[in-house]
Amino acid sequence: MRSASVRVVAALALCGSWSLTACAQSPLGPVTGEVSFHTRSADLGLGYTWGTGVLTYGGRTYPFSVKGASAAAVGYSSGDSVGKVYNLQRIEDFQGTFWALSGEATVGRGVSGVLMENDNGVRIRLDYTRSGARFAASPSRLTVRLLKPSKPATESAHPAPGAHS
């Protein structure tokens, strides 16, 4: 009898943890893409962040640039971010300013995460690894601009010998 009770409790605990995980992600909406990018931040009271990255959406990749600002930050750090994109319905909705409340305390190397949202309802949940020495606790914004993809390596700016224009 006791082993049956232990199994029921274990099953309920597993179901409960699964439903909590499912509920925790459902407010973000459906996962529609992934991002990865590299940024640098330099701060002396006010902060500035810049970098480049790649969005994977609808089976294609889209390069983008990021730049942003934060208040109440001191130091320098750089790092790599990876994350999931939620509620992206059209590629045009990815561009814009994402807002987040963020904090960072990096001395040497650190790992953290942040949730950002833009005016189009697109959300990004990031996990990032930073290195440097930076302390920040403030609202921050990050402006994303899609870049034109570079030309494929097979195209050439010079016509082949004997080709006529």
C-alpha atoms as a PDB file:
ATOM      1  CA  MET A   1       0.000   0.000   0.000  1.00  0.00           C
ATOM      2  CA  ARG A   2       2.798   2.377   0.899  1.00  0.00           C
ATOM      3  CA  SER A   3       4.614   1.849  -2.427  1.00  0.00           C
ATOM      4  CA  ALA A   4       1.387   2.662  -4.302  1.00  0.00           C
ATOM      5  CA  SER A   5       1.083   5.924  -2.355  1.00  0.00           C
ATOM      6  CA  VAL A   6       4.679   6.824  -3.147  1.00  0.00           C
ATOM      7  CA  ARG A   7       4.042   6.166  -6.871  1.00  0.00           C
ATOM      8  CA  VAL A   8       0.900   8.323  -6.881  1.00  0.00           C
ATOM      9  CA  VAL A   9       2.714  11.178  -5.153  1.00  0.00           C
ATOM     10  CA  ALA A  10       5.650  10.858  -7.571  1.00  0.00           C
ATOM     11  CA  ALA A  11       3.280  10.844 -10.571  1.00  0.00           C
ATOM     12  CA  LEU A  12       1.447  13.920  -9.279  1.00  0.00           C
ATOM     13  CA  ALA A  13       4.755  15.711  -8.677  1.00  0.00           C
ATOM     14  CA  LEU A  14       5.927  14.955 -12.221  1.00  0.00           C
ATOM     15  CA  CYS A  15       2.598  16.082 -13.718  1.00  0.00           C
ATOM     16  CA  GLY A  16       2.669  19.211 -11.591  1.00  0.00           C
ATOM     17  CA  SER A  17       6.203  20.144 -12.626  1.00  0.00           C
ATOM     18  CA  TRP A  18       5.363  19.521 -16.297  1.00  0.00           C
ATOM     19  CA  SER A  19       2.236  21.684 -16.116  1.00  0.00           C
ATOM     20  CA  LEU A  20       4.142  24.463 -14.347  1.00  0.00           C
ATOM     21  CA  THR A  21       6.731  24.440 -17.127  1.00  0.00           C
ATOM     22  CA  ALA A  22       4.017  24.499 -19.785  1.00  0.00           C
ATOM     23  CA  CYS A  23       2.188  27.326 -18.014  1.00  0.00           C
ATOM     24  CA  ALA A  24       5.392  29.323 -17.551  1.00  0.00           C
ATOM     25  CA  GLN A  25       6.020  29.444 -21.298  1.00  0.00           C
ATOM     26  CA  SER A  26       2.453  29.846 -22.543  1.00  0.00           C
ATOM     27  CA  PRO A  27       2.161  33.590 -21.721  1.00  0.00           C
ATOM     28  CA  LEU A  28       5.052  34.249 -24.126  1.00  0.00           C
ATOM     29  CA  GLY A  29       3.126  32.851 -27.084  1.00  0.00           C
ATOM     30  CA  PRO A  30       4.330  30.352 -29.673  1.00  0.00           C
ATOM     31  CA  VAL A  31       8.054  29.953 -30.410  1.00  0.00           C
ATOM     32  CA  THR A  32       8.466  31.250 -33.958  1.00  0.00           C
ATOM     33  CA  GLY A  33      12.222  31.702 -34.343  1.00  0.00           C
ATOM     34  CA  GLU A  34      15.664  31.748 -32.782  1.00  0.00           C
ATOM     35  CA  VAL A  35      18.347  34.412 -32.418  1.00  0.00           C
ATOM     36  CA  SER A  36      22.053  34.475 -31.702  1.00  0.00           C
ATOM     37  CA  PHE A  37      24.220  37.555 -31.476  1.00  0.00           C
ATOM     38  CA  HIS A  38      27.361  39.111 -30.056  1.00  0.00           C
ATOM     39  CA  THR A  39      27.251  42.442 -28.211  1.00  0.00           C
ATOM     40  CA  ARG A  40      29.551  44.810 -26.379  1.00  0.00           C
ATOM     41  CA  SER A  41      28.520  47.291 -23.682  1.00  0.00           C
ATOM     42  CA  ALA A  42      30.447  50.318 -22.442  1.00  0.00           C
ATOM     43  CA  ASP A  43      29.093  52.408 -19.585  1.00  0.00           C
ATOM     44  CA  LEU A  44      29.888  55.329 -17.356  1.00  0.00           C
ATOM     45  CA  GLY A  45      26.566  56.184 -15.727  1.00  0.00           C
ATOM     46  CA  LEU A  46      24.701  55.867 -19.006  1.00  0.00           C
ATOM     47  CA  GLY A  47      25.453  52.815 -21.073  1.00  0.00           C
ATOM     48  CA  TYR A  48      25.712  51.970 -24.746  1.00  0.00           C
ATOM     49  CA  THR A  49      25.403  48.483 -26.271  1.00  0.00           C
ATOM     50  CA  TRP A  50      26.108  47.470 -29.880  1.00  0.00           C
ATOM     51  CA  GLY A  51      26.511  44.281 -31.914  1.00  0.00           C
ATOM     52  CA  THR A  52      25.322  42.007 -34.703  1.00  0.00           C
ATOM     53  CA  GLY A  53      23.371  38.784 -34.895  1.00  0.00           C
ATOM     54  CA  VAL A  54      21.291  36.347 -36.884  1.00  0.00           C
ATOM     55  CA  LEU A  55      17.565  35.571 -36.696  1.00  0.00           C
ATOM     56  CA  THR A  56      16.384  32.157 -37.901  1.00  0.00           C
ATOM     57  CA  TYR A  57      12.738  32.427 -38.954  1.00  0.00           C
ATOM     58  CA  GLY A  58      10.637  30.433 -41.410  1.00  0.00           C
ATOM     59  CA  GLY A  59      13.580  28.295 -42.501  1.00  0.00           C
ATOM     60  CA  ARG A  60      15.696  31.336 -43.453  1.00  0.00           C
ATOM     61  CA  THR A  61      18.367  33.355 -41.698  1.00  0.00           C
ATOM     62  CA  TYR A  62      18.287  37.139 -41.408  1.00  0.00           C
ATOM     63  CA  PRO A  63      21.312  39.162 -40.268  1.00  0.00           C
ATOM     64  CA  PHE A  64      20.605  42.113 -37.977  1.00  0.00           C
ATOM     65  CA  SER A  65      22.363  44.816 -35.999  1.00  0.00           C
ATOM     66  CA  VAL A  66      21.593  45.864 -32.439  1.00  0.00           C
ATOM     67  CA  LYS A  67      22.291  49.037 -30.542  1.00  0.00           C
ATOM     68  CA  GLY A  68      20.871  50.299 -27.325  1.00  0.00           C
ATOM     69  CA  ALA A  69      21.161  52.226 -24.130  1.00  0.00           C
ATOM     70  CA  SER A  70      20.765  51.721 -20.420  1.00  0.00           C
ATOM     71  CA  ALA A  71      20.906  53.907 -17.342  1.00  0.00           C
ATOM     72  CA  ALA A  72      22.750  53.351 -14.076  1.00  0.00           C
ATOM     73  CA  ALA A  73      25.582  51.218 -15.450  1.00  0.00           C
ATOM     74  CA  VAL A  74      29.351  51.255 -15.038  1.00  0.00           C
ATOM     75  CA  GLY A  75      31.991  49.174 -16.825  1.00  0.00           C
ATOM     76  CA  TYR A  76      32.593  47.217 -20.007  1.00  0.00           C
ATOM     77  CA  SER A  77      31.500  43.745 -21.048  1.00  0.00           C
ATOM     78  CA  SER A  78      31.069  41.688 -24.184  1.00  0.00           C
ATOM     79  CA  GLY A  79      29.250  38.472 -24.768  1.00  0.00           C
ATOM     80  CA  ASP A  80      27.210  36.061 -26.790  1.00  0.00           C
ATOM     81  CA  SER A  81      23.451  35.648 -26.568  1.00  0.00           C
ATOM     82  CA  VAL A  82      21.153  32.906 -27.791  1.00  0.00           C
ATOM     83  CA  GLY A  83      17.416  32.847 -27.456  1.00  0.00           C
ATOM     84  CA  LYS A  84      13.942  31.993 -28.587  1.00  0.00           C
ATOM     85  CA  VAL A  85      11.646  34.404 -30.436  1.00  0.00           C
ATOM     86  CA  TYR A  86       7.922  34.378 -29.656  1.00  0.00           C
ATOM     87  CA  ASN A  87       4.898  35.817 -31.517  1.00  0.00           C
ATOM     88  CA  LEU A  88       6.769  36.789 -34.691  1.00  0.00           C
ATOM     89  CA  GLN A  89       4.137  36.746 -37.448  1.00  0.00           C
ATOM     90  CA  ARG A  90       5.948  38.755 -40.178  1.00  0.00           C
ATOM     91  CA  ILE A  91       9.677  39.405 -40.566  1.00  0.00           C
ATOM     92  CA  GLU A  92       8.979  43.163 -40.549  1.00  0.00           C
ATOM     93  CA  ASP A  93       7.684  42.877 -36.962  1.00  0.00           C
ATOM     94  CA  PHE A  94      11.145  41.848 -35.723  1.00  0.00           C
ATOM     95  CA  GLN A  95      12.658  45.292 -36.323  1.00  0.00           C
ATOM     96  CA  GLY A  96      12.159  47.926 -33.695  1.00  0.00           C
ATOM     97  CA  THR A  97      12.980  48.720 -30.114  1.00  0.00           C
ATOM     98  CA  PHE A  98      12.864  45.971 -27.506  1.00  0.00           C
ATOM     99  CA  TRP A  99      12.463  46.961 -23.849  1.00  0.00           C
ATOM    100  CA  ALA A 100      13.562  45.086 -20.750  1.00  0.00           C
ATOM    101  CA  LEU A 101      14.275  45.562 -17.090  1.00  0.00           C
ATOM    102  CA  SER A 102      17.736  44.162 -16.719  1.00  0.00           C
ATOM    103  CA  GLY A 103      20.554  43.797 -14.301  1.00  0.00           C
ATOM    104  CA  GLU A 104      24.114  42.673 -14.709  1.00  0.00           C
ATOM    105  CA  ALA A 105      26.951  42.035 -12.307  1.00  0.00           C
ATOM    106  CA  THR A 106      29.832  40.672 -14.334  1.00  0.00           C
ATOM    107  CA  VAL A 107      33.294  40.314 -12.895  1.00  0.00           C
ATOM    108  CA  GLY A 108      35.334  38.084 -15.134  1.00  0.00           C
ATOM    109  CA  ARG A 109      32.692  35.823 -16.642  1.00  0.00           C
ATOM    110  CA  GLY A 110      28.982  35.368 -15.966  1.00  0.00           C
ATOM    111  CA  VAL A 111      25.758  33.844 -17.304  1.00  0.00           C
ATOM    112  CA  SER A 112      22.358  35.493 -17.214  1.00  0.00           C
ATOM    113  CA  GLY A 113      19.032  35.815 -18.982  1.00  0.00           C
ATOM    114  CA  VAL A 114      16.549  38.486 -19.975  1.00  0.00           C
ATOM    115  CA  LEU A 115      13.068  38.765 -21.472  1.00  0.00           C
ATOM    116  CA  MET A 116      12.471  41.595 -23.967  1.00  0.00           C
ATOM    117  CA  GLU A 117       9.416  42.753 -25.907  1.00  0.00           C
ATOM    118  CA  ASN A 118       8.918  45.261 -28.739  1.00  0.00           C
ATOM    119  CA  ASP A 119       5.880  47.352 -29.724  1.00  0.00           C
ATOM    120  CA  ASN A 120       4.780  44.660 -32.219  1.00  0.00           C
ATOM    121  CA  GLY A 121       4.345  42.089 -29.428  1.00  0.00           C
ATOM    122  CA  VAL A 122       7.440  40.126 -30.468  1.00  0.00           C
ATOM    123  CA  ARG A 123       9.210  38.706 -27.421  1.00  0.00           C
ATOM    124  CA  ILE A 124      12.751  37.386 -27.079  1.00  0.00           C
ATOM    125  CA  ARG A 125      13.926  35.237 -24.177  1.00  0.00           C
ATOM    126  CA  LEU A 126      17.728  35.384 -24.087  1.00  0.00           C
ATOM    127  CA  ASP A 127      20.412  33.456 -22.302  1.00  0.00           C
ATOM    128  CA  TYR A 128      23.763  35.156 -22.467  1.00  0.00           C
ATOM    129  CA  THR A 129      27.354  34.685 -21.427  1.00  0.00           C
ATOM    130  CA  ARG A 130      29.302  37.863 -20.672  1.00  0.00           C
ATOM    131  CA  SER A 131      32.891  38.641 -19.809  1.00  0.00           C
ATOM    132  CA  GLY A 132      34.409  41.833 -18.452  1.00  0.00           C
ATOM    133  CA  ALA A 133      33.616  44.023 -15.466  1.00  0.00           C
ATOM    134  CA  ARG A 134      30.222  45.719 -15.554  1.00  0.00           C
ATOM    135  CA  PHE A 135      27.482  46.560 -13.064  1.00  0.00           C
ATOM    136  CA  ALA A 136      24.051  47.635 -14.308  1.00  0.00           C
ATOM    137  CA  ALA A 137      20.501  47.711 -12.973  1.00  0.00           C
ATOM    138  CA  SER A 138      18.038  49.640 -15.080  1.00  0.00           C
ATOM    139  CA  PRO A 139      15.434  49.700 -17.778  1.00  0.00           C
ATOM    140  CA  SER A 140      17.191  49.137 -21.069  1.00  0.00           C
ATOM    141  CA  ARG A 141      16.307  49.263 -24.722  1.00  0.00           C
ATOM    142  CA  LEU A 142      17.799  47.468 -27.664  1.00  0.00           C
ATOM    143  CA  THR A 143      17.001  48.588 -31.222  1.00  0.00           C
ATOM    144  CA  VAL A 144      17.096  45.860 -33.865  1.00  0.00           C
ATOM    145  CA  ARG A 145      17.541  46.585 -37.575  1.00  0.00           C
ATOM    146  CA  LEU A 146      17.504  43.905 -40.226  1.00  0.00           C
ATOM    147  CA  LEU A 147      20.518  44.029 -42.542  1.00  0.00           C
ATOM    148  CA  LYS A 148      20.545  43.194 -46.221  1.00  0.00           C
ATOM    149  CA  PRO A 149      21.950  39.706 -46.710  1.00  0.00           C
ATOM    150  CA  SER A 150      25.381  39.634 -48.303  1.00  0.00           C
ATOM    151  CA  LYS A 151      25.650  38.404 -51.883  1.00  0.00           C
ATOM    152  CA  PRO A 152      26.243  34.667 -52.275  1.00  0.00           C
ATOM    153  CA  ALA A 153      29.903  33.748 -52.818  1.00  0.00           C
ATOM    154  CA  THR A 154      29.111  32.453 -56.319  1.00  0.00           C
ATOM    155  CA  GLU A 155      28.195  35.936 -57.587  1.00  0.00           C
ATOM    156  CA  SER A 156      31.035  38.103 -58.793  1.00  0.00           C
ATOM    157  CA  ALA A 157      31.278  41.842 -59.317  1.00  0.00           C
ATOM    158  CA  HIS A 158      33.398  41.233 -62.437  1.00  0.00           C
ATOM    159  CA  PRO A 159      32.015  39.498 -65.541  1.00  0.00           C
ATOM    160  CA  ALA A 160      33.639  36.280 -66.611  1.00  0.00           C
ATOM    161  CA  PRO A 161      36.155  36.581 -69.485  1.00  0.00           C
ATOM    162  CA  GLY A 162      34.350  36.544 -72.814  1.00  0.00           C
ATOM    163  CA  ALA A 163      30.965  37.471 -71.249  1.00  0.00           C
ATOM    164  CA  HIS A 164      29.048  40.313 -72.853  1.00  0.00           C
ATOM    165  CA  SER A 165      26.953  42.826 -70.931  1.00  0.00           C
END
